[in-house]
Amino acid sequence: MIVFDIPGFQPIEVEHLLLDYNGTIAKDGTMPESVRSLIARLSEKLQVTVLTADTHGTVRAQCEGLDVHVETFPRAGAAQCKLDYAQGLQGGSACLGNGFNDILMFDECALSIAVMDAEGACAKLIPHADILVRSMEEGLEMLLVPDRVRATLRS
């Protein structure tokens, strides 16, 4: 678990991390080693799930060796699948995403981070995010350094 104590708000207790795959933690279906390393560190503190329609068909191979659960679903209805998964969890959740199909998940999770990396970010997602970052690595590092979240979200 990670607890984020943010002045002006109730503490945010996070037990689960939900990660969109393409554009969020992978570029063109490939996950950089730097991202794998950060996810490995986060999985020591959180239950990590990768949620994806798996556009490139690479998610299982790319996540091999990581302590993560991979949940794939049909490309149609991805937003509802992500929301349903988030709603089924016990305990607080954080999520990272970059796409239109992440909006419902962002609204459900206690902490949501929009990633604008090489594959861009859906402009309609941004108003639903608590935090916007410039890269995959920055998004994951925010969770590992709670003071960054505190500084960004304090009132």
Protein backbone atom coordinates (compact mmCIF):
# COMPACT_ATOMS: atom_id res chain seq x y z
CA MET A 1 0.00 0.00 0.00
CA ILE A 2 1.03 3.58 -0.63
CA VAL A 3 -0.56 6.44 1.29
CA PHE A 4 -0.57 9.95 -0.13
CA ASP A 5 -1.07 12.62 2.54
CA ILE A 6 -2.18 15.72 0.68
CA PRO A 7 -2.78 18.96 2.58
CA GLY A 8 -6.42 19.97 2.34
CA PHE A 9 -7.67 16.46 1.49
CA GLN A 10 -8.26 13.10 3.14
CA PRO A 11 -5.29 10.73 2.73
CA ILE A 12 -5.40 8.67 -0.45
CA GLU A 13 -4.72 5.00 0.33
CA VAL A 14 -3.76 3.01 -2.74
CA GLU A 15 -3.56 -0.78 -2.84
CA HIS A 16 -4.05 -1.33 -6.59
CA LEU A 17 -2.40 0.15 -9.65
CA LEU A 18 -4.24 -0.11 -12.96
CA LEU A 19 -2.13 0.50 -16.05
CA ASP A 20 -3.31 1.02 -19.58
CA TYR A 21 -0.79 -0.58 -21.91
CA ASN A 22 -0.37 1.01 -25.36
CA GLY A 23 0.74 4.63 -25.18
CA THR A 24 0.86 4.55 -21.38
CA ILE A 25 3.54 1.99 -20.46
CA ALA A 26 4.40 0.78 -23.98
CA LYS A 27 5.27 2.48 -27.25
CA ASP A 28 4.06 0.67 -30.36
CA GLY A 29 3.54 -2.46 -28.26
CA THR A 30 6.98 -2.51 -26.65
CA MET A 31 7.65 -1.71 -23.00
CA PRO A 32 10.97 0.06 -22.32
CA GLU A 33 13.29 -1.53 -19.77
CA SER A 34 13.09 1.65 -17.66
CA VAL A 35 9.32 1.14 -17.36
CA ARG A 36 9.72 -2.56 -16.52
CA SER A 37 12.09 -1.61 -13.70
CA LEU A 38 9.67 0.95 -12.25
CA ILE A 39 6.75 -1.49 -12.45
CA ALA A 40 8.83 -4.12 -10.66
CA ARG A 41 9.44 -1.65 -7.83
CA LEU A 42 5.78 -0.67 -7.66
CA SER A 43 4.64 -4.30 -7.58
CA GLU A 44 6.47 -4.64 -4.25
CA LYS A 45 3.99 -2.14 -2.76
CA LEU A 46 0.87 -2.47 -4.90
CA GLN A 47 -1.16 -5.08 -6.76
CA VAL A 48 -0.49 -4.11 -10.37
CA THR A 49 -2.84 -4.91 -13.24
CA VAL A 50 -2.32 -4.11 -16.90
CA LEU A 51 -5.65 -3.51 -18.65
CA THR A 52 -5.61 -3.54 -22.43
CA ALA A 53 -7.29 -4.40 -25.69
CA ASP A 54 -3.71 -5.36 -26.70
CA THR A 55 -3.66 -3.59 -30.06
CA HIS A 56 -0.26 -5.04 -31.02
CA GLY A 57 -0.74 -8.47 -29.41
CA THR A 58 2.43 -8.11 -27.32
CA VAL A 59 1.28 -7.44 -23.76
CA ARG A 60 1.74 -10.95 -22.30
CA ALA A 61 5.24 -11.35 -23.71
CA GLN A 62 6.24 -7.83 -22.66
CA CYS A 63 4.95 -8.36 -19.09
CA GLU A 64 6.63 -11.75 -18.70
CA GLY A 65 8.73 -11.86 -15.53
CA LEU A 66 6.88 -8.98 -13.88
CA ASP A 67 4.64 -9.51 -10.84
CA VAL A 68 1.58 -8.10 -12.62
CA HIS A 69 -1.83 -9.39 -13.61
CA VAL A 70 -2.68 -8.88 -17.28
CA GLU A 71 -6.33 -8.42 -18.22
CA THR A 72 -7.14 -8.29 -21.93
CA PHE A 73 -10.55 -7.70 -23.46
CA PRO A 74 -12.14 -7.15 -26.86
CA ARG A 75 -11.30 -3.86 -28.52
CA ALA A 76 -14.96 -2.84 -28.60
CA GLY A 77 -16.18 -1.69 -25.20
CA ALA A 78 -12.72 -1.26 -23.67
CA ALA A 79 -13.80 1.71 -21.55
CA GLN A 80 -16.58 -0.26 -19.87
CA CYS A 81 -14.27 -3.25 -19.31
CA LYS A 82 -11.74 -1.02 -17.55
CA LEU A 83 -14.45 0.57 -15.41
CA ASP A 84 -15.92 -2.80 -14.47
CA TYR A 85 -12.49 -4.06 -13.43
CA ALA A 86 -11.82 -0.96 -11.30
CA GLN A 87 -15.22 -1.20 -9.63
CA GLY A 88 -14.59 -4.83 -8.70
CA LEU A 89 -11.51 -4.09 -6.60
CA GLN A 90 -11.44 -3.89 -2.82
CA GLY A 91 -9.33 -0.98 -1.57
CA GLY A 92 -8.16 2.21 -3.22
CA SER A 93 -6.81 2.31 -6.74
CA ALA A 94 -4.52 4.53 -8.76
CA CYS A 95 -4.43 4.39 -12.54
CA LEU A 96 -2.35 5.57 -15.47
CA GLY A 97 -3.68 5.99 -18.98
CA ASN A 98 -3.55 8.09 -22.12
CA GLY A 99 -6.66 7.27 -24.11
CA PHE A 100 -10.33 8.00 -24.52
CA ASN A 101 -11.14 4.53 -23.20
CA ASP A 102 -9.48 5.42 -19.88
CA ILE A 103 -11.96 8.18 -18.94
CA LEU A 104 -14.38 6.01 -16.94
CA MET A 105 -11.52 4.30 -15.12
CA PHE A 106 -10.03 7.71 -14.25
CA ASP A 107 -13.34 8.83 -12.76
CA GLU A 108 -13.53 5.65 -10.63
CA CYS A 109 -9.98 5.58 -9.22
CA ALA A 110 -8.80 7.51 -6.18
CA LEU A 111 -5.76 8.84 -8.08
CA SER A 112 -5.48 9.14 -11.85
CA ILE A 113 -2.41 10.08 -13.87
CA ALA A 114 -2.62 10.95 -17.56
CA VAL A 115 0.49 10.15 -19.58
CA MET A 116 1.40 12.24 -22.63
CA ASP A 117 4.32 10.38 -24.14
CA ALA A 118 5.26 9.46 -27.73
CA GLU A 119 1.78 8.16 -28.60
CA GLY A 120 0.13 11.31 -27.26
CA ALA A 121 -2.85 11.64 -24.94
CA CYS A 122 -6.53 12.05 -25.69
CA ALA A 123 -7.46 15.67 -24.95
CA LYS A 124 -10.83 14.57 -23.54
CA LEU A 125 -9.03 12.48 -20.90
CA ILE A 126 -7.10 15.41 -19.41
CA PRO A 127 -10.02 16.99 -17.45
CA HIS A 128 -10.58 13.61 -15.75
CA ALA A 129 -6.96 13.31 -14.56
CA ASP A 130 -5.60 14.34 -11.18
CA ILE A 131 -2.10 14.66 -12.62
CA LEU A 132 -0.66 15.01 -16.13
CA VAL A 133 2.90 13.83 -16.84
CA ARG A 134 5.20 14.01 -19.85
CA SER A 135 6.35 10.38 -19.93
CA MET A 136 5.69 6.83 -18.89
CA GLU A 137 8.55 6.95 -16.44
CA GLU A 138 7.39 10.22 -14.84
CA GLY A 139 3.94 8.74 -14.25
CA LEU A 140 5.28 5.67 -12.48
CA GLU A 141 7.87 7.67 -10.53
CA MET A 142 5.09 9.93 -9.16
CA LEU A 143 3.76 6.91 -7.29
CA LEU A 144 7.17 5.95 -5.94
CA VAL A 145 7.86 9.47 -4.63
CA PRO A 146 4.69 10.46 -2.72
CA ASP A 147 6.02 13.98 -2.07
CA ARG A 148 5.67 14.68 -5.81
CA VAL A 149 1.98 13.82 -5.64
CA ARG A 150 1.60 15.91 -2.47
CA ALA A 151 3.28 18.94 -4.07
CA THR A 152 1.17 18.66 -7.21
CA LEU A 153 -2.24 18.17 -5.55
CA ARG A 154 -2.04 20.27 -2.37
CA SER A 155 -4.69 22.94 -1.99
